[in-house]
Amino acid sequence: PQPGRGEVLVRTLHSGVSRGTETLVFRGGVPESQHAAMRA
């Protein structure tokens, strides 16, 4: 989207893979009861 007032456009340099949480998400291991709590 076009950045509006009070917003920023960021060009990414690096990101990190949080191995524990992200690999759990990757394998589909988030319990349904925790879908809301686990939202990034």
Full PDB file with SEQRES, HELIX, SHEET, SSBOND, CRYST1, ORIGX, SCALE, CONECT and MASTER records, all heavy atoms in Angstrom:
SEQRES   1 A   40  PRO GLN PRO GLY ARG GLY GLU VAL LEU VAL ARG THR LEU          
SEQRES   2 A   40  HIS SER GLY VAL SER ARG GLY THR GLU THR LEU VAL PHE          
SEQRES   3 A   40  ARG GLY GLY VAL PRO GLU SER GLN HIS ALA ALA MET ARG          
SEQRES   4 A   40  ALA                                                          
HELIX    1 AA1 ARG A   19  PHE A   26  1                                   8    
HELIX    2 AA2 GLU A   32  GLN A   34  5                                   3    
CRYST1    1.000    1.000    1.000  90.00  90.00  90.00 P 1           1          
ORIGX1      1.000000  0.000000  0.000000        0.00000                         
ORIGX2      0.000000  1.000000  0.000000        0.00000                         
ORIGX3      0.000000  0.000000  1.000000        0.00000                         
SCALE1      1.000000  0.000000  0.000000        0.00000                         
SCALE2      0.000000  1.000000  0.000000        0.00000                         
SCALE3      0.000000  0.000000  1.000000        0.00000                         
ATOM      1  N   PRO A   1       0.823  -1.218   0.000  1.00  0.00           N  
ATOM      2  CA  PRO A   1       0.000   0.000   0.000  1.00  0.00           C  
ATOM      3  C   PRO A   1       0.852   1.261   0.000  1.00  0.00           C  
ATOM      4  O   PRO A   1       2.006   1.264   0.442  1.00  0.00           O  
ATOM      5  CB  PRO A   1      -0.796  -0.118   1.296  1.00  0.00           C  
ATOM      6  CG  PRO A   1       0.038  -0.985   2.185  1.00  0.00           C  
ATOM      7  CD  PRO A   1       0.732  -1.953   1.275  1.00  0.00           C  
ATOM      8  N   GLN A   2       0.276   2.330  -0.501  1.00  0.00           N  
ATOM      9  CA  GLN A   2       0.921   3.629  -0.416  1.00  0.00           C  
ATOM     10  C   GLN A   2       0.955   4.068   1.047  1.00  0.00           C  
ATOM     11  O   GLN A   2      -0.070   4.049   1.723  1.00  0.00           O  
ATOM     12  CB  GLN A   2       0.125   4.650  -1.243  1.00  0.00           C  
ATOM     13  CG  GLN A   2       0.716   6.051  -1.245  1.00  0.00           C  
ATOM     14  CD  GLN A   2       1.905   6.179  -2.169  1.00  0.00           C  
ATOM     15  OE1 GLN A   2       2.094   5.354  -3.045  1.00  0.00           O  
ATOM     16  NE2 GLN A   2       2.712   7.215  -1.961  1.00  0.00           N  
ATOM     17  N   PRO A   3       2.129   4.403   1.593  1.00  0.00           N  
ATOM     18  CA  PRO A   3       2.159   4.821   2.997  1.00  0.00           C  
ATOM     19  C   PRO A   3       1.386   6.113   3.203  1.00  0.00           C  
ATOM     20  O   PRO A   3       1.503   7.063   2.424  1.00  0.00           O  
ATOM     21  CB  PRO A   3       3.651   5.010   3.286  1.00  0.00           C  
ATOM     22  CG  PRO A   3       4.300   5.152   1.948  1.00  0.00           C  
ATOM     23  CD  PRO A   3       3.468   4.384   0.983  1.00  0.00           C  
ATOM     24  N   GLY A   4       0.555   6.111   4.219  1.00  0.00           N  
ATOM     25  CA  GLY A   4      -0.235   7.296   4.534  1.00  0.00           C  
ATOM     26  C   GLY A   4       0.434   8.136   5.607  1.00  0.00           C  
ATOM     27  O   GLY A   4       1.567   7.878   6.024  1.00  0.00           O  
ATOM     28  N   ARG A   5      -0.298   9.110   6.073  1.00  0.00           N  
ATOM     29  CA  ARG A   5       0.205   9.985   7.126  1.00  0.00           C  
ATOM     30  C   ARG A   5       0.469   9.159   8.387  1.00  0.00           C  
ATOM     31  O   ARG A   5      -0.378   8.385   8.820  1.00  0.00           O  
ATOM     32  CB  ARG A   5      -0.815  11.086   7.410  1.00  0.00           C  
ATOM     33  CG  ARG A   5      -0.339  12.132   8.414  1.00  0.00           C  
ATOM     34  CD  ARG A   5      -1.410  13.194   8.601  1.00  0.00           C  
ATOM     35  NE  ARG A   5      -0.990  14.205   9.567  1.00  0.00           N  
ATOM     36  CZ  ARG A   5      -0.280  15.271   9.252  1.00  0.00           C  
ATOM     37  NH1 ARG A   5       0.090  15.471   7.976  1.00  0.00           N  
ATOM     38  NH2 ARG A   5       0.067  16.158  10.168  1.00  0.00           N  
ATOM     39  N   GLY A   6       1.643   9.326   8.959  1.00  0.00           N  
ATOM     40  CA  GLY A   6       1.980   8.585  10.176  1.00  0.00           C  
ATOM     41  C   GLY A   6       2.419   7.155   9.927  1.00  0.00           C  
ATOM     42  O   GLY A   6       2.538   6.384  10.881  1.00  0.00           O  
ATOM     43  N   GLU A   7       2.675   6.803   8.654  1.00  0.00           N  
ATOM     44  CA  GLU A   7       3.151   5.464   8.331  1.00  0.00           C  
ATOM     45  C   GLU A   7       4.554   5.540   7.728  1.00  0.00           C  
ATOM     46  O   GLU A   7       4.992   6.586   7.252  1.00  0.00           O  
ATOM     47  CB  GLU A   7       2.201   4.772   7.352  1.00  0.00           C  
ATOM     48  CG  GLU A   7       0.839   4.460   7.940  1.00  0.00           C  
ATOM     49  CD  GLU A   7      -0.024   3.666   6.986  1.00  0.00           C  
ATOM     50  OE1 GLU A   7      -0.014   3.982   5.780  1.00  0.00           O  
ATOM     51  OE2 GLU A   7      -0.723   2.750   7.455  1.00  0.00           O  
ATOM     52  N   VAL A   8       5.236   4.386   7.736  1.00  0.00           N  
ATOM     53  CA  VAL A   8       6.577   4.294   7.165  1.00  0.00           C  
ATOM     54  C   VAL A   8       6.634   3.150   6.165  1.00  0.00           C  
ATOM     55  O   VAL A   8       5.935   2.146   6.307  1.00  0.00           O  
ATOM     56  CB  VAL A   8       7.652   4.081   8.248  1.00  0.00           C  
ATOM     57  CG1 VAL A   8       7.785   5.298   9.139  1.00  0.00           C  
ATOM     58  CG2 VAL A   8       7.372   2.834   9.075  1.00  0.00           C  
ATOM     59  N   LEU A   9       7.453   3.344   5.142  1.00  0.00           N  
ATOM     60  CA  LEU A   9       7.796   2.274   4.212  1.00  0.00           C  
ATOM     61  C   LEU A   9       9.193   1.801   4.576  1.00  0.00           C  
ATOM     62  O   LEU A   9      10.136   2.601   4.608  1.00  0.00           O  
ATOM     63  CB  LEU A   9       7.766   2.775   2.766  1.00  0.00           C  
ATOM     64  CG  LEU A   9       8.381   1.843   1.708  1.00  0.00           C  
ATOM     65  CD1 LEU A   9       7.587   0.548   1.599  1.00  0.00           C  
ATOM     66  CD2 LEU A   9       8.471   2.546   0.362  1.00  0.00           C  
ATOM     67  N   VAL A  10       9.316   0.525   4.851  1.00  0.00           N  
ATOM     68  CA  VAL A  10      10.590  -0.049   5.277  1.00  0.00           C  
ATOM     69  C   VAL A  10      11.106  -1.012   4.210  1.00  0.00           C  
ATOM     70  O   VAL A  10      10.351  -1.862   3.711  1.00  0.00           O  
ATOM     71  CB  VAL A  10      10.442  -0.802   6.615  1.00  0.00           C  
ATOM     72  CG1 VAL A  10      11.776  -1.441   7.035  1.00  0.00           C  
ATOM     73  CG2 VAL A  10       9.936   0.131   7.708  1.00  0.00           C  
ATOM     74  N   ARG A  11      12.375  -0.868   3.843  1.00  0.00           N  
ATOM     75  CA  ARG A  11      13.056  -1.845   2.983  1.00  0.00           C  
ATOM     76  C   ARG A  11      13.864  -2.765   3.898  1.00  0.00           C  
ATOM     77  O   ARG A  11      14.725  -2.320   4.640  1.00  0.00           O  
ATOM     78  CB  ARG A  11      13.993  -1.153   1.991  1.00  0.00           C  
ATOM     79  CG  ARG A  11      14.869  -2.131   1.192  1.00  0.00           C  
ATOM     80  CD  ARG A  11      15.666  -1.429   0.110  1.00  0.00           C  
ATOM     81  NE  ARG A  11      16.523  -0.379   0.638  1.00  0.00           N  
ATOM     82  CZ  ARG A  11      17.746  -0.607   1.136  1.00  0.00           C  
ATOM     83  NH1 ARG A  11      18.231  -1.824   1.202  1.00  0.00           N  
ATOM     84  NH2 ARG A  11      18.467   0.413   1.577  1.00  0.00           N  
ATOM     85  N   THR A  12      13.566  -4.050   3.844  1.00  0.00           N  
ATOM     86  CA  THR A  12      14.155  -4.998   4.779  1.00  0.00           C  
ATOM     87  C   THR A  12      15.613  -5.286   4.440  1.00  0.00           C  
ATOM     88  O   THR A  12      15.968  -5.510   3.281  1.00  0.00           O  
ATOM     89  CB  THR A  12      13.360  -6.314   4.779  1.00  0.00           C  
ATOM     90  OG1 THR A  12      11.967  -6.025   4.942  1.00  0.00           O  
ATOM     91  CG2 THR A  12      13.812  -7.230   5.900  1.00  0.00           C  
ATOM     92  N   LEU A  13      16.426  -5.288   5.474  1.00  0.00           N  
ATOM     93  CA  LEU A  13      17.833  -5.679   5.358  1.00  0.00           C  
ATOM     94  C   LEU A  13      18.030  -7.122   5.813  1.00  0.00           C  
ATOM     95  O   LEU A  13      18.703  -7.911   5.145  1.00  0.00           O  
ATOM     96  CB  LEU A  13      18.712  -4.760   6.216  1.00  0.00           C  
ATOM     97  CG  LEU A  13      18.702  -3.272   5.873  1.00  0.00           C  
ATOM     98  CD1 LEU A  13      19.504  -2.496   6.923  1.00  0.00           C  
ATOM     99  CD2 LEU A  13      19.267  -3.041   4.483  1.00  0.00           C  
ATOM    100  N   HIS A  14      17.466  -7.445   6.965  1.00  0.00           N  
ATOM    101  CA  HIS A  14      17.595  -8.784   7.539  1.00  0.00           C  
ATOM    102  C   HIS A  14      16.305  -9.134   8.280  1.00  0.00           C  
ATOM    103  O   HIS A  14      15.614  -8.257   8.807  1.00  0.00           O  
ATOM    104  CB  HIS A  14      18.737  -8.861   8.553  1.00  0.00           C  
ATOM    105  CG  HIS A  14      20.084  -8.534   8.005  1.00  0.00           C  
ATOM    106  ND1 HIS A  14      20.796  -9.394   7.200  1.00  0.00           N  
ATOM    107  CD2 HIS A  14      20.860  -7.431   8.152  1.00  0.00           C  
ATOM    108  CE1 HIS A  14      21.950  -8.848   6.878  1.00  0.00           C  
ATOM    109  NE2 HIS A  14      22.012  -7.643   7.436  1.00  0.00           N  
ATOM    110  N   SER A  15      16.024 -10.415   8.348  1.00  0.00           N  
ATOM    111  CA  SER A  15      15.047 -10.922   9.306  1.00  0.00           C  
ATOM    112  C   SER A  15      15.644 -12.152   9.951  1.00  0.00           C  
ATOM    113  O   SER A  15      16.638 -12.704   9.476  1.00  0.00           O  
ATOM    114  CB  SER A  15      13.696 -11.235   8.638  1.00  0.00           C  
ATOM    115  OG  SER A  15      13.826 -12.215   7.626  1.00  0.00           O  
ATOM    116  N   GLY A  16      15.057 -12.549  11.052  1.00  0.00           N  
ATOM    117  CA  GLY A  16      15.563 -13.718  11.765  1.00  0.00           C  
ATOM    118  C   GLY A  16      14.477 -14.769  11.891  1.00  0.00           C  
ATOM    119  O   GLY A  16      13.303 -14.446  12.075  1.00  0.00           O  
ATOM    120  N   VAL A  17      14.881 -16.029  11.768  1.00  0.00           N  
ATOM    121  CA  VAL A  17      13.956 -17.134  12.004  1.00  0.00           C  
ATOM    122  C   VAL A  17      14.098 -17.556  13.459  1.00  0.00           C  
ATOM    123  O   VAL A  17      15.158 -18.039  13.875  1.00  0.00           O  
ATOM    124  CB  VAL A  17      14.253 -18.336  11.083  1.00  0.00           C  
ATOM    125  CG1 VAL A  17      13.293 -19.489  11.396  1.00  0.00           C  
ATOM    126  CG2 VAL A  17      14.131 -17.933   9.622  1.00  0.00           C  
ATOM    127  N   SER A  18      13.049 -17.327  14.226  1.00  0.00           N  
ATOM    128  CA  SER A  18      13.015 -17.779  15.618  1.00  0.00           C  
ATOM    129  C   SER A  18      12.727 -19.268  15.595  1.00  0.00           C  
ATOM    130  O   SER A  18      11.579 -19.696  15.442  1.00  0.00           O  
ATOM    131  CB  SER A  18      11.926 -17.023  16.382  1.00  0.00           C  
ATOM    132  OG  SER A  18      11.836 -17.471  17.702  1.00  0.00           O  
ATOM    133  N   ARG A  19      13.788 -20.075  15.729  1.00  0.00           N  
ATOM    134  CA  ARG A  19      13.696 -21.489  15.378  1.00  0.00           C  
ATOM    135  C   ARG A  19      12.615 -22.241  16.162  1.00  0.00           C  
ATOM    136  O   ARG A  19      11.883 -23.049  15.595  1.00  0.00           O  
ATOM    137  CB  ARG A  19      15.056 -22.161  15.586  1.00  0.00           C  
ATOM    138  CG  ARG A  19      15.107 -23.594  15.072  1.00  0.00           C  
ATOM    139  CD  ARG A  19      16.516 -24.156  15.103  1.00  0.00           C  
ATOM    140  NE  ARG A  19      16.534 -25.532  14.612  1.00  0.00           N  
ATOM    141  CZ  ARG A  19      16.368 -26.580  15.378  1.00  0.00           C  
ATOM    142  NH1 ARG A  19      16.179 -26.418  16.671  1.00  0.00           N  
ATOM    143  NH2 ARG A  19      16.385 -27.800  14.870  1.00  0.00           N  
ATOM    144  N   GLY A  20      12.489 -21.963  17.450  1.00  0.00           N  
ATOM    145  CA  GLY A  20      11.503 -22.704  18.229  1.00  0.00           C  
ATOM    146  C   GLY A  20      10.077 -22.425  17.792  1.00  0.00           C  
ATOM    147  O   GLY A  20       9.359 -23.319  17.338  1.00  0.00           O  
ATOM    148  N   THR A  21       9.653 -21.167  17.870  1.00  0.00           N  
ATOM    149  CA  THR A  21       8.268 -20.817  17.567  1.00  0.00           C  
ATOM    150  C   THR A  21       7.957 -20.975  16.083  1.00  0.00           C  
ATOM    151  O   THR A  21       6.922 -21.528  15.708  1.00  0.00           O  
ATOM    152  CB  THR A  21       7.980 -19.376  18.008  1.00  0.00           C  
ATOM    153  OG1 THR A  21       8.236 -19.255  19.407  1.00  0.00           O  
ATOM    154  CG2 THR A  21       6.531 -19.016  17.738  1.00  0.00           C  
ATOM    155  N   GLU A  22       8.846 -20.486  15.230  1.00  0.00           N  
ATOM    156  CA  GLU A  22       8.534 -20.500  13.797  1.00  0.00           C  
ATOM    157  C   GLU A  22       8.534 -21.902  13.202  1.00  0.00           C  
ATOM    158  O   GLU A  22       7.762 -22.186  12.284  1.00  0.00           O  
ATOM    159  CB  GLU A  22       9.489 -19.590  13.035  1.00  0.00           C  
ATOM    160  CG  GLU A  22       9.192 -18.116  13.271  1.00  0.00           C  
ATOM    161  CD  GLU A  22       9.862 -17.223  12.249  1.00  0.00           C  
ATOM    162  OE1 GLU A  22       9.603 -17.377  11.042  1.00  0.00           O  
ATOM    163  OE2 GLU A  22      10.662 -16.363  12.676  1.00  0.00           O  
ATOM    164  N   THR A  23       9.381 -22.782  13.694  1.00  0.00           N  
ATOM    165  CA  THR A  23       9.339 -24.144  13.160  1.00  0.00           C  
ATOM    166  C   THR A  23       8.106 -24.881  13.679  1.00  0.00           C  
ATOM    167  O   THR A  23       7.550 -25.739  12.977  1.00  0.00           O  
ATOM    168  CB  THR A  23      10.621 -24.926  13.497  1.00  0.00           C  
ATOM    169  OG1 THR A  23      10.812 -24.980  14.913  1.00  0.00           O  
ATOM    170  CG2 THR A  23      11.826 -24.280  12.851  1.00  0.00           C  
ATOM    171  N   LEU A  24       7.632 -24.514  14.888  1.00  0.00           N  
ATOM    172  CA  LEU A  24       6.373 -25.084  15.377  1.00  0.00           C  
ATOM    173  C   LEU A  24       5.224 -24.639  14.478  1.00  0.00           C  
ATOM    174  O   LEU A  24       4.364 -25.442  14.095  1.00  0.00           O  
ATOM    175  CB  LEU A  24       6.149 -24.656  16.823  1.00  0.00           C  
ATOM    176  CG  LEU A  24       4.952 -25.260  17.557  1.00  0.00           C  
ATOM    177  CD1 LEU A  24       5.287 -25.410  19.042  1.00  0.00           C  
ATOM    178  CD2 LEU A  24       3.703 -24.403  17.418  1.00  0.00           C  
ATOM    179  N   VAL A  25       5.202 -23.347  14.135  1.00  0.00           N  
ATOM    180  CA  VAL A  25       4.185 -22.834  13.209  1.00  0.00           C  
ATOM    181  C   VAL A  25       4.318 -23.523  11.857  1.00  0.00           C  
ATOM    182  O   VAL A  25       3.319 -23.913  11.236  1.00  0.00           O  
ATOM    183  CB  VAL A  25       4.321 -21.306  13.049  1.00  0.00           C  
ATOM    184  CG1 VAL A  25       3.434 -20.794  11.915  1.00  0.00           C  
ATOM    185  CG2 VAL A  25       3.958 -20.602  14.354  1.00  0.00           C  
ATOM    186  N   PHE A  26       5.551 -23.709  11.395  1.00  0.00           N  
ATOM    187  CA  PHE A  26       5.801 -24.291  10.075  1.00  0.00           C  
ATOM    188  C   PHE A  26       5.239 -25.711   9.968  1.00  0.00           C  
ATOM    189  O   PHE A  26       4.719 -26.097   8.914  1.00  0.00           O  
ATOM    190  CB  PHE A  26       7.302 -24.289   9.786  1.00  0.00           C  
ATOM    191  CG  PHE A  26       7.663 -24.729   8.393  1.00  0.00           C  
ATOM    192  CD1 PHE A  26       7.473 -23.879   7.311  1.00  0.00           C  
ATOM    193  CD2 PHE A  26       8.191 -25.993   8.164  1.00  0.00           C  
ATOM    194  CE1 PHE A  26       7.801 -24.287   6.022  1.00  0.00           C  
ATOM    195  CE2 PHE A  26       8.520 -26.403   6.885  1.00  0.00           C  
ATOM    196  CZ  PHE A  26       8.324 -25.545   5.810  1.00  0.00           C  
ATOM    197  N   ARG A  27       5.328 -26.465  11.044  1.00  0.00           N  
ATOM    198  CA  ARG A  27       4.814 -27.834  10.987  1.00  0.00           C  
ATOM    199  C   ARG A  27       3.319 -27.911  11.315  1.00  0.00           C  
ATOM    200  O   ARG A  27       2.738 -28.993  11.348  1.00  0.00           O  
ATOM    201  CB  ARG A  27       5.609 -28.751  11.918  1.00  0.00           C  
ATOM    202  CG  ARG A  27       5.429 -28.503  13.398  1.00  0.00           C  
ATOM    203  CD  ARG A  27       6.167 -29.569  14.213  1.00  0.00           C  
ATOM    204  NE  ARG A  27       6.074 -29.353  15.643  1.00  0.00           N  
ATOM    205  CZ  ARG A  27       5.034 -29.728  16.391  1.00  0.00           C  
ATOM    206  NH1 ARG A  27       3.990 -30.327  15.840  1.00  0.00           N  
ATOM    207  NH2 ARG A  27       5.038 -29.506  17.692  1.00  0.00           N  
ATOM    208  N   GLY A  28       2.688 -26.760  11.583  1.00  0.00           N  
ATOM    209  CA  GLY A  28       1.257 -26.742  11.867  1.00  0.00           C  
ATOM    210  C   GLY A  28       0.930 -27.145  13.282  1.00  0.00           C  
ATOM    211  O   GLY A  28      -0.150 -27.689  13.541  1.00  0.00           O  
ATOM    212  N   GLY A  29       1.838 -26.844  14.237  1.00  0.00           N  
ATOM    213  CA  GLY A  29       1.678 -27.324  15.594  1.00  0.00           C  
ATOM    214  C   GLY A  29       1.058 -26.353  16.575  1.00  0.00           C  
ATOM    215  O   GLY A  29       1.134 -26.583  17.780  1.00  0.00           O  
ATOM    216  N   VAL A  30       0.424 -25.276  16.104  1.00  0.00           N  
ATOM    217  CA  VAL A  30      -0.229 -24.340  17.023  1.00  0.00           C  
ATOM    218  C   VAL A  30      -1.614 -24.874  17.370  1.00  0.00           C  
ATOM    219  O   VAL A  30      -2.456 -25.042  16.480  1.00  0.00           O  
ATOM    220  CB  VAL A  30      -0.346 -22.930  16.403  1.00  0.00           C  
ATOM    221  CG1 VAL A  30      -1.047 -21.981  17.375  1.00  0.00           C  
ATOM    222  CG2 VAL A  30       1.027 -22.389  16.030  1.00  0.00           C  
ATOM    223  N   PRO A  31      -1.901 -25.173  18.646  1.00  0.00           N  
ATOM    224  CA  PRO A  31      -3.217 -25.692  19.004  1.00  0.00           C  
ATOM    225  C   PRO A  31      -4.315 -24.680  18.696  1.00  0.00           C  
ATOM    226  O   PRO A  31      -4.098 -23.470  18.797  1.00  0.00           O  
ATOM    227  CB  PRO A  31      -3.118 -25.948  20.512  1.00  0.00           C  
ATOM    228  CG  PRO A  31      -1.717 -25.693  20.906  1.00  0.00           C  
ATOM    229  CD  PRO A  31      -1.024 -24.994  19.801  1.00  0.00           C  
ATOM    230  N   GLU A  32      -5.485 -25.177  18.348  1.00  0.00           N  
ATOM    231  CA  GLU A  32      -6.587 -24.285  17.991  1.00  0.00           C  
ATOM    232  C   GLU A  32      -6.922 -23.326  19.121  1.00  0.00           C  
ATOM    233  O   GLU A  32      -7.250 -22.159  18.887  1.00  0.00           O  
ATOM    234  CB  GLU A  32      -7.826 -25.106  17.622  1.00  0.00           C  
ATOM    235  CG  GLU A  32      -8.969 -24.259  17.092  1.00  0.00           C  
ATOM    236  CD  GLU A  32     -10.123 -25.109  16.570  1.00  0.00           C  
ATOM    237  OE1 GLU A  32      -9.968 -26.339  16.482  1.00  0.00           O  
ATOM    238  OE2 GLU A  32     -11.175 -24.511  16.276  1.00  0.00           O  
ATOM    239  N   SER A  33      -6.776 -23.790  20.358  1.00  0.00           N  
ATOM    240  CA  SER A  33      -7.098 -22.933  21.501  1.00  0.00           C  
ATOM    241  C   SER A  33      -6.142 -21.754  21.634  1.00  0.00           C  
ATOM    242  O   SER A  33      -6.442 -20.780  22.330  1.00  0.00           O  
ATOM    243  CB  SER A  33      -7.055 -23.755  22.798  1.00  0.00           C  
ATOM    244  OG  SER A  33      -5.731 -24.224  23.051  1.00  0.00           O  
ATOM    245  N   GLN A  34      -4.975 -21.829  20.966  1.00  0.00           N  
ATOM    246  CA  GLN A  34      -3.969 -20.784  21.074  1.00  0.00           C  
ATOM    247  C   GLN A  34      -3.820 -19.957  19.794  1.00  0.00           C  
ATOM    248  O   GLN A  34      -2.884 -19.164  19.675  1.00  0.00           O  
ATOM    249  CB  GLN A  34      -2.621 -21.410  21.447  1.00  0.00           C  
ATOM    250  CG  GLN A  34      -2.602 -22.052  22.809  1.00  0.00           C  
ATOM    251  CD  GLN A  34      -2.943 -21.064  23.908  1.00  0.00           C  
ATOM    252  OE1 GLN A  34      -2.264 -20.048  24.075  1.00  0.00           O  
ATOM    253  NE2 GLN A  34      -4.000 -21.336  24.657  1.00  0.00           N  
ATOM    254  N   HIS A  35      -4.724 -20.135  18.839  1.00  0.00           N  
ATOM    255  CA  HIS A  35      -4.608 -19.392  17.578  1.00  0.00           C  
ATOM    256  C   HIS A  35      -4.613 -17.886  17.803  1.00  0.00           C  
ATOM    257  O   HIS A  35      -3.813 -17.156  17.191  1.00  0.00           O  
ATOM    258  CB  HIS A  35      -5.748 -19.788  16.631  1.00  0.00           C  
ATOM    259  CG  HIS A  35      -5.524 -21.109  15.974  1.00  0.00           C  
ATOM    260  ND1 HIS A  35      -6.319 -21.573  14.946  1.00  0.00           N  
ATOM    261  CD2 HIS A  35      -4.585 -22.070  16.170  1.00  0.00           C  
ATOM    262  CE1 HIS A  35      -5.892 -22.764  14.548  1.00  0.00           C  
ATOM    263  NE2 HIS A  35      -4.847 -23.078  15.288  1.00  0.00           N  
ATOM    264  N   ALA A  36      -5.458 -17.400  18.675  1.00  0.00           N  
ATOM    265  CA  ALA A  36      -5.517 -15.960  18.917  1.00  0.00           C  
ATOM    266  C   ALA A  36      -4.292 -15.486  19.689  1.00  0.00           C  
ATOM    267  O   ALA A  36      -3.689 -14.458  19.363  1.00  0.00           O  
ATOM    268  CB  ALA A  36      -6.794 -15.598  19.676  1.00  0.00           C  
ATOM    269  N   ALA A  37      -3.897 -16.235  20.715  1.00  0.00           N  
ATOM    270  CA  ALA A  37      -2.755 -15.832  21.539  1.00  0.00           C  
ATOM    271  C   ALA A  37      -1.452 -15.842  20.759  1.00  0.00           C  
ATOM    272  O   ALA A  37      -0.543 -15.067  21.049  1.00  0.00           O  
ATOM    273  CB  ALA A  37      -2.635 -16.757  22.754  1.00  0.00           C  
ATOM    274  N   MET A  38      -1.356 -16.710  19.755  1.00  0.00           N  
ATOM    275  CA  MET A  38      -0.110 -16.871  19.007  1.00  0.00           C  
ATOM    276  C   MET A  38      -0.006 -15.951  17.799  1.00  0.00           C  
ATOM    277  O   MET A  38       1.003 -15.969  17.094  1.00  0.00           O  
ATOM    278  CB  MET A  38       0.031 -18.324  18.545  1.00  0.00           C  
ATOM    279  CG  MET A  38       0.539 -19.264  19.615  1.00  0.00           C  
ATOM    280  SD  MET A  38       2.289 -18.984  19.973  1.00  0.00           S  
ATOM    281  CE  MET A  38       3.034 -19.534  18.430  1.00  0.00           C  
ATOM    282  N   ARG A  39      -1.003 -15.152  17.531  1.00  0.00           N  
ATOM    283  CA  ARG A  39      -0.932 -14.259  16.379  1.00  0.00           C  
ATOM    284  C   ARG A  39       0.245 -13.296  16.515  1.00  0.00           C  
ATOM    285  O   ARG A  39       0.455 -12.687  17.566  1.00  0.00           O  
ATOM    286  CB  ARG A  39      -2.214 -13.440  16.219  1.00  0.00           C  
ATOM    287  CG  ARG A  39      -3.381 -14.191  15.641  1.00  0.00           C  
ATOM    288  CD  ARG A  39      -4.477 -13.222  15.203  1.00  0.00           C  
ATOM    289  NE  ARG A  39      -4.056 -12.414  14.064  1.00  0.00           N  
ATOM    290  CZ  ARG A  39      -4.192 -12.793  12.797  1.00  0.00           C  
ATOM    291  NH1 ARG A  39      -4.733 -13.962  12.509  1.00  0.00           N  
ATOM    292  NH2 ARG A  39      -3.785 -11.998  11.817  1.00  0.00           N  
ATOM    293  N   ALA A  40       1.020 -13.172  15.443  1.00  0.00           N  
ATOM    294  CA  ALA A  40       2.077 -12.169  15.401  1.00  0.00           C  
ATOM    295  C   ALA A  40       1.446 -10.815  15.078  1.00  0.00           C  
ATOM    296  O   ALA A  40       0.366 -10.749  14.467  1.00  0.00           O  
ATOM    297  CB  ALA A  40       3.120 -12.543  14.354  1.00  0.00           C  
TER     298      ALA A  40                                                      
MASTER        0    0    0    2    0    0    0    6  297    1    0    4          
END                                                                             
